C-alpha cells in the first residue's frame, strides 16, 4: 500500500482524537479517554508502516529531517498512549496528534536518501535512547504548557472550562517532574552511549547535536536539583522545562532544517 493513503488515514484519525480531547478541555463534549486512545492507536497503526518504510531507505545514524520527524512522532504517540494508562497526560494529544499527522503528510511528499548501511548494537542503543528521551521530554513540554495555562487560570480565579477538566494542579506538577526524571535518565543514557559507541561525537556533522544535547541536560539537571533543594515549581518549572525542550529540539532538528530545507543539501 502506498505511503500517502496511510498518511492521510493516520492524519484523519489523529485529528479526530485531538479534536475530541480539545473539545473535552473546553467542556463541549464529555470525557471519552477510551475513544481518544482508540483513535490514536488506529492512527499509530497507519503511522508505523510509513515510519518503517522511511527507516528502511535512510542512513542508520543520521536520517533525514522527514524520516526523523515521522519516527520520533510515532515513538511519542506510542509513549503518550502507554503513559496515559497510568498518568493523566492524555490532554497532550491535543498538540501531539496533529503534529504527528502533519509530519506524516509532509514526509510522504519529500524525497528520502538512499540507505547507506545498518546500525551496530551500540549505535542502535544510542539512537533508541535518543528517540525515547526526546519523546518523553516533548510530552513533558506539552504537560508544562497545560500546567502553565492551568496555573495562570487559577491565579486569575478562572475556575471554569479547562481547569475543571484537568487534574489538580499538584497532580499535574508531580506528573511533569516524573516525566522529566524519566526523560533525563534516557537522555543521560543517550549521551553516554554516544560517547562510547559513536566514533566522534564532536565531528563536524555531530558537534552541534552533542553540544546542544549537553546544554539541554544541564538545564534539566538544574531544574531537578533546584526543585528538590530550593522547591522550584509553578511557572518557573514551566519556563525551564520549555527552555530545555527548545534546546533539545534544536539539537535534534536544527541542522537538519538548515541543511535539507534552507540550503537544500543532504
C-alpha atoms as a PDB file:
ATOM      1  CA  UNK A   1       0.000   0.000   0.000  1.00  0.00           C
ATOM      2  CA  UNK A   2       1.261   3.482  -0.899  1.00  0.00           C
ATOM      3  CA  UNK A   3       2.504   5.772   1.849  1.00  0.00           C
ATOM      4  CA  UNK A   4       0.158   8.672   1.025  1.00  0.00           C
ATOM      5  CA  UNK A   5      -3.142   6.850   1.775  1.00  0.00           C
ATOM      6  CA  UNK A   6      -1.646   5.577   5.036  1.00  0.00           C
ATOM      7  CA  UNK A   7      -0.546   9.093   5.981  1.00  0.00           C
ATOM      8  CA  UNK A   8      -3.966  10.544   5.158  1.00  0.00           C
ATOM      9  CA  UNK A   9      -5.772   7.912   7.233  1.00  0.00           C
ATOM     10  CA  UNK A  10      -3.409   8.476  10.166  1.00  0.00           C
ATOM     11  CA  UNK A  11      -3.888  12.247   9.911  1.00  0.00           C
ATOM     12  CA  UNK A  12      -7.690  11.922   9.933  1.00  0.00           C
ATOM     13  CA  UNK A  13      -7.652   9.598  12.950  1.00  0.00           C
ATOM     14  CA  UNK A  14      -5.157  11.757  14.843  1.00  0.00           C
ATOM     15  CA  UNK A  15      -7.154  14.883  14.074  1.00  0.00           C
ATOM     16  CA  UNK A  16     -10.352  13.217  15.276  1.00  0.00           C
ATOM     17  CA  UNK A  17      -8.741  12.158  18.552  1.00  0.00           C
ATOM     18  CA  UNK A  18      -7.164  15.577  19.119  1.00  0.00           C
ATOM     19  CA  UNK A  19     -10.409  17.365  18.295  1.00  0.00           C
ATOM     20  CA  UNK A  20     -12.410  15.321  20.798  1.00  0.00           C
ATOM     21  CA  UNK A  21      -9.830  15.862  23.514  1.00  0.00           C
ATOM     22  CA  UNK A  22      -9.710  19.573  22.697  1.00  0.00           C
ATOM     23  CA  UNK A  23     -13.482  19.846  22.937  1.00  0.00           C
ATOM     24  CA  UNK A  24     -13.270  17.960  26.237  1.00  0.00           C
ATOM     25  CA  UNK A  25     -10.896  20.613  27.599  1.00  0.00           C
ATOM     26  CA  UNK A  26     -13.408  23.262  26.518  1.00  0.00           C
ATOM     27  CA  UNK A  27     -16.184  21.250  28.201  1.00  0.00           C
ATOM     28  CA  UNK A  28     -18.146  20.975  24.955  1.00  0.00           C
ATOM     29  CA  UNK A  29     -18.235  17.176  24.981  1.00  0.00           C
ATOM     30  CA  UNK A  30     -17.956  14.583  27.775  1.00  0.00           C
ATOM     31  CA  UNK A  31     -14.621  12.968  28.568  1.00  0.00           C
ATOM     32  CA  UNK A  32     -14.039   9.839  26.481  1.00  0.00           C
ATOM     33  CA  UNK A  33     -10.438   8.762  27.127  1.00  0.00           C
ATOM     34  CA  UNK A  34     -11.064   5.312  25.667  1.00  0.00           C
ATOM     35  CA  UNK A  35     -12.290   6.883  22.417  1.00  0.00           C
ATOM     36  CA  UNK A  36      -9.274   9.211  22.220  1.00  0.00           C
ATOM     37  CA  UNK A  37      -6.873   6.326  22.854  1.00  0.00           C
ATOM     38  CA  UNK A  38      -8.646   4.108  20.316  1.00  0.00           C
ATOM     39  CA  UNK A  39      -8.479   6.742  17.580  1.00  0.00           C
ATOM     40  CA  UNK A  40      -4.862   7.495  18.470  1.00  0.00           C
ATOM     41  CA  UNK A  41      -3.953   3.807  18.369  1.00  0.00           C
ATOM     42  CA  UNK A  42      -5.627   3.355  14.974  1.00  0.00           C
ATOM     43  CA  UNK A  43      -3.740   6.399  13.720  1.00  0.00           C
ATOM     44  CA  UNK A  44      -0.499   4.876  15.002  1.00  0.00           C
ATOM     45  CA  UNK A  45      -1.238   1.620  13.151  1.00  0.00           C
ATOM     46  CA  UNK A  46      -1.340   3.609   9.901  1.00  0.00           C
ATOM     47  CA  UNK A  47       1.632   5.705  11.021  1.00  0.00           C
ATOM     48  CA  UNK A  48       4.028   2.832  11.722  1.00  0.00           C
ATOM     49  CA  UNK A  49       4.242   1.358   8.185  1.00  0.00           C
ATOM     50  CA  UNK A  50       5.216   4.785   6.838  1.00  0.00           C
ATOM     51  CA  UNK A  51       7.882   5.125   9.544  1.00  0.00           C
ATOM     52  CA  UNK A  52       9.266   1.645   8.830  1.00  0.00           C
ATOM     53  CA  UNK A  53       9.388   2.362   5.098  1.00  0.00           C
ATOM     54  CA  UNK A  54      11.303   5.588   5.650  1.00  0.00           C
ATOM     55  CA  UNK A  55      13.757   3.934   8.045  1.00  0.00           C
ATOM     56  CA  UNK A  56      14.400   1.200   5.504  1.00  0.00           C
ATOM     57  CA  UNK A  57      15.570   3.818   2.982  1.00  0.00           C
ATOM     58  CA  UNK A  58      17.502   6.037   5.384  1.00  0.00           C
ATOM     59  CA  UNK A  59      21.062   6.156   6.694  1.00  0.00           C
ATOM     60  CA  UNK A  60      21.464   4.462  10.059  1.00  0.00           C
ATOM     61  CA  UNK A  61      22.859   7.217  12.282  1.00  0.00           C
ATOM     62  CA  UNK A  62      21.733  10.473  10.693  1.00  0.00           C
ATOM     63  CA  UNK A  63      18.373  10.002   8.935  1.00  0.00           C
ATOM     64  CA  UNK A  64      16.865  12.927   7.080  1.00  0.00           C
ATOM     65  CA  UNK A  65      14.574  15.561   8.551  1.00  0.00           C
ATOM     66  CA  UNK A  66      11.333  13.992   7.349  1.00  0.00           C
ATOM     67  CA  UNK A  67      12.325  10.487   8.462  1.00  0.00           C
ATOM     68  CA  UNK A  68      13.408  11.732  11.893  1.00  0.00           C
ATOM     69  CA  UNK A  69      10.136  13.619  12.357  1.00  0.00           C
ATOM     70  CA  UNK A  70       7.980  10.633  11.378  1.00  0.00           C
ATOM     71  CA  UNK A  71       9.881   8.144  13.539  1.00  0.00           C
ATOM     72  CA  UNK A  72      10.048  10.426  16.569  1.00  0.00           C
ATOM     73  CA  UNK A  73       6.362  11.326  16.412  1.00  0.00           C
ATOM     74  CA  UNK A  74       5.456   7.628  16.166  1.00  0.00           C
ATOM     75  CA  UNK A  75       7.505   6.974  19.294  1.00  0.00           C
ATOM     76  CA  UNK A  76       5.908   9.952  21.065  1.00  0.00           C
ATOM     77  CA  UNK A  77       2.382   8.792  20.208  1.00  0.00           C
ATOM     78  CA  UNK A  78       3.184   5.298  21.474  1.00  0.00           C
ATOM     79  CA  UNK A  79       4.690   6.729  24.666  1.00  0.00           C
ATOM     80  CA  UNK A  80       1.726   9.029  25.233  1.00  0.00           C
ATOM     81  CA  UNK A  81      -0.821   6.239  24.761  1.00  0.00           C
ATOM     82  CA  UNK A  82       1.137   4.000  27.121  1.00  0.00           C
ATOM     83  CA  UNK A  83       1.806   6.606  29.822  1.00  0.00           C
ATOM     84  CA  UNK A  84      -1.799   7.844  29.696  1.00  0.00           C
ATOM     85  CA  UNK A  85      -2.953   4.473  31.015  1.00  0.00           C
ATOM     86  CA  UNK A  86      -1.261   5.287  34.334  1.00  0.00           C
ATOM     87  CA  UNK A  87      -0.841   9.082  34.354  1.00  0.00           C
ATOM     88  CA  UNK A  88      -3.246  11.927  33.456  1.00  0.00           C
ATOM     89  CA  UNK A  89      -1.377  13.117  30.350  1.00  0.00           C
ATOM     90  CA  UNK A  90      -3.915  12.390  27.609  1.00  0.00           C
ATOM     91  CA  UNK A  91      -4.599  16.101  27.061  1.00  0.00           C
ATOM     92  CA  UNK A  92      -1.131  16.304  25.469  1.00  0.00           C
ATOM     93  CA  UNK A  93      -2.783  14.589  22.484  1.00  0.00           C
ATOM     94  CA  UNK A  94      -4.363  17.940  21.548  1.00  0.00           C
ATOM     95  CA  UNK A  95      -0.929  19.104  20.376  1.00  0.00           C
ATOM     96  CA  UNK A  96       0.932  15.872  19.667  1.00  0.00           C
ATOM     97  CA  UNK A  97      -1.564  14.097  17.408  1.00  0.00           C
ATOM     98  CA  UNK A  98      -1.982  16.896  14.832  1.00  0.00           C
ATOM     99  CA  UNK A  99       1.792  17.444  14.752  1.00  0.00           C
ATOM    100  CA  UNK A 100       2.283  13.722  14.107  1.00  0.00           C
ATOM    101  CA  UNK A 101      -0.268  13.728  11.301  1.00  0.00           C
ATOM    102  CA  UNK A 102       1.279  16.773   9.647  1.00  0.00           C
ATOM    103  CA  UNK A 103       4.757  15.222   9.907  1.00  0.00           C
ATOM    104  CA  UNK A 104       3.452  12.181   8.034  1.00  0.00           C
ATOM    105  CA  UNK A 105       1.811  14.215   5.275  1.00  0.00           C
ATOM    106  CA  UNK A 106       4.949  16.279   4.779  1.00  0.00           C
ATOM    107  CA  UNK A 107       7.242  13.249   4.839  1.00  0.00           C
ATOM    108  CA  UNK A 108       5.481  11.337   2.071  1.00  0.00           C
ATOM    109  CA  UNK A 109       5.946  14.326  -0.233  1.00  0.00           C
ATOM    110  CA  UNK A 110       9.677  14.716   0.432  1.00  0.00           C
ATOM    111  CA  UNK A 111      12.470  12.619  -1.099  1.00  0.00           C
ATOM    112  CA  UNK A 112      14.298  10.203   1.190  1.00  0.00           C
ATOM    113  CA  UNK A 113      18.033   9.478   0.976  1.00  0.00           C
ATOM    114  CA  UNK A 114      19.168   6.046  -0.073  1.00  0.00           C
ATOM    115  CA  UNK A 115      20.103   3.621   2.666  1.00  0.00           C
ATOM    116  CA  UNK A 116      23.850   3.648   3.349  1.00  0.00           C
ATOM    117  CA  UNK A 117      24.235   0.904   5.930  1.00  0.00           C
ATOM    118  CA  UNK A 118      22.857  -0.659   9.064  1.00  0.00           C
ATOM    119  CA  UNK A 119      23.414   0.158  12.727  1.00  0.00           C
ATOM    120  CA  UNK A 120      25.641  -1.667  15.165  1.00  0.00           C
ATOM    121  CA  UNK A 121      24.042  -2.619  18.513  1.00  0.00           C
ATOM    122  CA  UNK A 122      25.841   0.271  20.216  1.00  0.00           C
ATOM    123  CA  UNK A 123      24.632   2.797  17.683  1.00  0.00           C
ATOM    124  CA  UNK A 124      21.138   1.309  17.921  1.00  0.00           C
ATOM    125  CA  UNK A 125      21.205   1.827  21.701  1.00  0.00           C
ATOM    126  CA  UNK A 126      22.226   5.453  21.184  1.00  0.00           C
ATOM    127  CA  UNK A 127      19.544   6.039  18.532  1.00  0.00           C
ATOM    128  CA  UNK A 128      16.733   4.383  20.509  1.00  0.00           C
ATOM    129  CA  UNK A 129      17.597   6.093  23.798  1.00  0.00           C
ATOM    130  CA  UNK A 130      17.843   9.447  21.981  1.00  0.00           C
ATOM    131  CA  UNK A 131      14.436   8.986  20.401  1.00  0.00           C
ATOM    132  CA  UNK A 132      12.819   7.874  23.658  1.00  0.00           C
ATOM    133  CA  UNK A 133      14.400  10.772  25.563  1.00  0.00           C
ATOM    134  CA  UNK A 134      13.116  13.273  23.022  1.00  0.00           C
ATOM    135  CA  UNK A 135       9.663  11.683  23.078  1.00  0.00           C
ATOM    136  CA  UNK A 136       9.315  11.747  26.865  1.00  0.00           C
ATOM    137  CA  UNK A 137      10.656  15.296  27.171  1.00  0.00           C
ATOM    138  CA  UNK A 138       8.388  16.536  24.368  1.00  0.00           C
ATOM    139  CA  UNK A 139       5.425  15.128  26.282  1.00  0.00           C
ATOM    140  CA  UNK A 140       6.822  16.894  29.364  1.00  0.00           C
ATOM    141  CA  UNK A 141       6.902  20.165  27.397  1.00  0.00           C
ATOM    142  CA  UNK A 142       3.248  19.778  26.421  1.00  0.00           C
ATOM    143  CA  UNK A 143       2.424  18.919  30.039  1.00  0.00           C
ATOM    144  CA  UNK A 144       4.286  22.076  31.105  1.00  0.00           C
ATOM    145  CA  UNK A 145       2.209  24.202  28.732  1.00  0.00           C
ATOM    146  CA  UNK A 146      -1.013  22.775  30.178  1.00  0.00           C
ATOM    147  CA  UNK A 147       0.334  23.308  33.696  1.00  0.00           C
ATOM    148  CA  UNK A 148       1.187  26.914  32.846  1.00  0.00           C
ATOM    149  CA  UNK A 149      -2.281  27.585  31.450  1.00  0.00           C
ATOM    150  CA  UNK A 150      -3.875  25.969  34.485  1.00  0.00           C
ATOM    151  CA  UNK A 151      -1.647  27.961  36.840  1.00  0.00           C
ATOM    152  CA  UNK A 152      -2.498  31.263  35.163  1.00  0.00           C
ATOM    153  CA  UNK A 153      -6.223  30.479  35.123  1.00  0.00           C
ATOM    154  CA  UNK A 154      -6.239  29.731  38.842  1.00  0.00           C
ATOM    155  CA  UNK A 155      -4.264  32.881  39.613  1.00  0.00           C
ATOM    156  CA  UNK A 156      -6.939  34.916  37.854  1.00  0.00           C
ATOM    157  CA  UNK A 157      -9.720  32.908  39.535  1.00  0.00           C
ATOM    158  CA  UNK A 158     -10.907  31.370  36.263  1.00  0.00           C
ATOM    159  CA  UNK A 159     -12.150  28.018  37.507  1.00  0.00           C
ATOM    160  CA  UNK A 160     -14.391  27.061  34.604  1.00  0.00           C
ATOM    161  CA  UNK A 161     -13.579  25.331  31.341  1.00  0.00           C
ATOM    162  CA  UNK A 162     -10.189  23.630  31.086  1.00  0.00           C
ATOM    163  CA  UNK A 163      -9.406  23.954  34.802  1.00  0.00           C
ATOM    164  CA  UNK A 164     -12.405  21.782  35.663  1.00  0.00           C
ATOM    165  CA  UNK A 165     -11.277  19.045  33.278  1.00  0.00           C
ATOM    166  CA  UNK A 166      -7.577  18.855  34.091  1.00  0.00           C
ATOM    167  CA  UNK A 167      -6.344  17.023  37.205  1.00  0.00           C
ATOM    168  CA  UNK A 168      -5.488  19.098  40.298  1.00  0.00           C
ATOM    169  CA  UNK A 169      -2.509  21.424  39.993  1.00  0.00           C
ATOM    170  CA  UNK A 170      -0.386  19.360  42.391  1.00  0.00           C
ATOM    171  CA  UNK A 171      -1.025  16.223  40.320  1.00  0.00           C
ATOM    172  CA  UNK A 172      -0.153  17.991  37.066  1.00  0.00           C
ATOM    173  CA  UNK A 173       3.092  19.227  38.601  1.00  0.00           C
ATOM    174  CA  UNK A 174       4.005  15.816  40.016  1.00  0.00           C
ATOM    175  CA  UNK A 175       3.450  14.171  36.632  1.00  0.00           C
ATOM    176  CA  UNK A 176       5.583  16.859  34.957  1.00  0.00           C
ATOM    177  CA  UNK A 177       8.575  16.104  37.166  1.00  0.00           C
ATOM    178  CA  UNK A 178       8.079  12.352  36.783  1.00  0.00           C
ATOM    179  CA  UNK A 179       8.259  12.819  33.010  1.00  0.00           C
ATOM    180  CA  UNK A 180      11.369  14.979  33.319  1.00  0.00           C
ATOM    181  CA  UNK A 181      13.103  12.410  35.542  1.00  0.00           C
ATOM    182  CA  UNK A 182      12.333   9.655  33.021  1.00  0.00           C
ATOM    183  CA  UNK A 183      13.450  11.828  30.106  1.00  0.00           C
ATOM    184  CA  UNK A 184      16.663  12.763  31.924  1.00  0.00           C
ATOM    185  CA  UNK A 185      17.520   9.113  32.556  1.00  0.00           C
ATOM    186  CA  UNK A 186      17.088   8.347  28.857  1.00  0.00           C
ATOM    187  CA  UNK A 187      18.944  11.487  27.780  1.00  0.00           C
ATOM    188  CA  UNK A 188      21.851  10.523  30.055  1.00  0.00           C
ATOM    189  CA  UNK A 189      21.910   7.054  28.506  1.00  0.00           C
ATOM    190  CA  UNK A 190      21.811   8.614  25.035  1.00  0.00           C
ATOM    191  CA  UNK A 191      24.747  10.935  25.725  1.00  0.00           C
ATOM    192  CA  UNK A 192      26.866   8.260  27.422  1.00  0.00           C
ATOM    193  CA  UNK A 193      26.193   5.688  24.692  1.00  0.00           C
ATOM    194  CA  UNK A 194      27.041   8.321  22.099  1.00  0.00           C
ATOM    195  CA  UNK A 195      30.448   8.968  23.619  1.00  0.00           C
ATOM    196  CA  UNK A 196      31.091   5.223  23.907  1.00  0.00           C
ATOM    197  CA  UNK A 197      29.819   3.968  20.557  1.00  0.00           C
ATOM    198  CA  UNK A 198      29.856   6.929  18.144  1.00  0.00           C
ATOM    199  CA  UNK A 199      33.260   7.393  16.562  1.00  0.00           C
ATOM    200  CA  UNK A 200      33.479  11.153  17.199  1.00  0.00           C
ATOM    201  CA  UNK A 201      30.669  12.987  18.989  1.00  0.00           C
ATOM    202  CA  UNK A 202      32.345  16.296  18.159  1.00  0.00           C
ATOM    203  CA  UNK A 203      32.810  15.647  14.445  1.00  0.00           C
ATOM    204  CA  UNK A 204      31.588  18.456  12.210  1.00  0.00           C
ATOM    205  CA  UNK A 205      28.200  16.863  11.460  1.00  0.00           C
ATOM    206  CA  UNK A 206      27.563  15.917  15.115  1.00  0.00           C
ATOM    207  CA  UNK A 207      29.177  18.727  17.123  1.00  0.00           C
ATOM    208  CA  UNK A 208      26.055  20.914  17.283  1.00  0.00           C
ATOM    209  CA  UNK A 209      23.901  17.965  18.363  1.00  0.00           C
ATOM    210  CA  UNK A 210      26.357  16.962  21.075  1.00  0.00           C
ATOM    211  CA  UNK A 211      26.786  20.483  22.464  1.00  0.00           C
ATOM    212  CA  UNK A 212      23.068  21.269  22.451  1.00  0.00           C
ATOM    213  CA  UNK A 213      22.174  17.885  23.969  1.00  0.00           C
ATOM    214  CA  UNK A 214      24.663  18.531  26.779  1.00  0.00           C
ATOM    215  CA  UNK A 215      23.208  22.020  27.248  1.00  0.00           C
ATOM    216  CA  UNK A 216      19.686  20.577  27.498  1.00  0.00           C
ATOM    217  CA  UNK A 217      20.935  18.002  30.007  1.00  0.00           C
ATOM    218  CA  UNK A 218      22.407  20.788  32.141  1.00  0.00           C
ATOM    219  CA  UNK A 219      19.144  22.776  32.015  1.00  0.00           C
ATOM    220  CA  UNK A 220      17.055  19.812  33.129  1.00  0.00           C
ATOM    221  CA  UNK A 221      19.618  18.881  35.796  1.00  0.00           C
ATOM    222  CA  UNK A 222      19.476  22.408  37.241  1.00  0.00           C
ATOM    223  CA  UNK A 223      15.672  22.266  37.232  1.00  0.00           C
ATOM    224  CA  UNK A 224      15.512  18.894  39.011  1.00  0.00           C
ATOM    225  CA  UNK A 225      18.145  19.808  41.601  1.00  0.00           C
ATOM    226  CA  UNK A 226      16.528  23.186  42.265  1.00  0.00           C
ATOM    227  CA  UNK A 227      13.095  21.581  42.548  1.00  0.00           C
ATOM    228  CA  UNK A 228      14.440  19.134  45.117  1.00  0.00           C
ATOM    229  CA  UNK A 229      16.556  21.605  47.116  1.00  0.00           C
ATOM    230  CA  UNK A 230      15.004  25.022  46.536  1.00  0.00           C
ATOM    231  CA  UNK A 231      11.421  23.980  45.870  1.00  0.00           C
ATOM    232  CA  UNK A 232      11.210  25.330  42.312  1.00  0.00           C
ATOM    233  CA  UNK A 233       7.709  24.802  40.937  1.00  0.00           C
ATOM    234  CA  UNK A 234       4.890  26.582  39.128  1.00  0.00           C
ATOM    235  CA  UNK A 235       5.735  28.931  36.277  1.00  0.00           C
ATOM    236  CA  UNK A 236       9.479  28.737  36.949  1.00  0.00           C
ATOM    237  CA  UNK A 237       9.370  24.982  36.385  1.00  0.00           C
ATOM    238  CA  UNK A 238       7.276  25.541  33.259  1.00  0.00           C
ATOM    239  CA  UNK A 239       9.773  28.026  31.797  1.00  0.00           C
ATOM    240  CA  UNK A 240      12.808  25.848  32.493  1.00  0.00           C
ATOM    241  CA  UNK A 241      11.086  22.788  31.050  1.00  0.00           C
ATOM    242  CA  UNK A 242      10.171  24.607  27.857  1.00  0.00           C
ATOM    243  CA  UNK A 243      13.664  26.088  27.630  1.00  0.00           C
ATOM    244  CA  UNK A 244      15.311  22.684  27.946  1.00  0.00           C
ATOM    245  CA  UNK A 245      12.967  21.164  25.370  1.00  0.00           C
ATOM    246  CA  UNK A 246      13.604  24.045  22.957  1.00  0.00           C
ATOM    247  CA  UNK A 247      17.359  23.421  23.175  1.00  0.00           C
ATOM    248  CA  UNK A 248      16.801  19.689  22.663  1.00  0.00           C
ATOM    249  CA  UNK A 249      14.589  20.409  19.659  1.00  0.00           C
ATOM    250  CA  UNK A 250      17.416  22.437  18.123  1.00  0.00           C
ATOM    251  CA  UNK A 251      19.819  19.584  18.862  1.00  0.00           C
ATOM    252  CA  UNK A 252      17.662  17.054  17.012  1.00  0.00           C
ATOM    253  CA  UNK A 253      16.317  19.112  14.132  1.00  0.00           C
ATOM    254  CA  UNK A 254      18.250  22.385  13.900  1.00  0.00           C
ATOM    255  CA  UNK A 255      20.976  21.404  11.470  1.00  0.00           C
ATOM    256  CA  UNK A 256      18.675  19.115   9.507  1.00  0.00           C
ATOM    257  CA  UNK A 257      16.308  22.018   8.900  1.00  0.00           C
ATOM    258  CA  UNK A 258      19.125  24.315   7.769  1.00  0.00           C
ATOM    259  CA  UNK A 259      20.890  21.771   5.554  1.00  0.00           C
ATOM    260  CA  UNK A 260      17.922  19.998   3.994  1.00  0.00           C
ATOM    261  CA  UNK A 261      15.285  22.725   3.762  1.00  0.00           C
ATOM    262  CA  UNK A 262      17.047  26.102   3.746  1.00  0.00           C
ATOM    263  CA  UNK A 263      20.287  25.131   1.966  1.00  0.00           C
ATOM    264  CA  UNK A 264      18.719  22.197   0.077  1.00  0.00           C
ATOM    265  CA  UNK A 265      21.616  19.888   0.930  1.00  0.00           C
ATOM    266  CA  UNK A 266      21.660  16.272   2.207  1.00  0.00           C
END
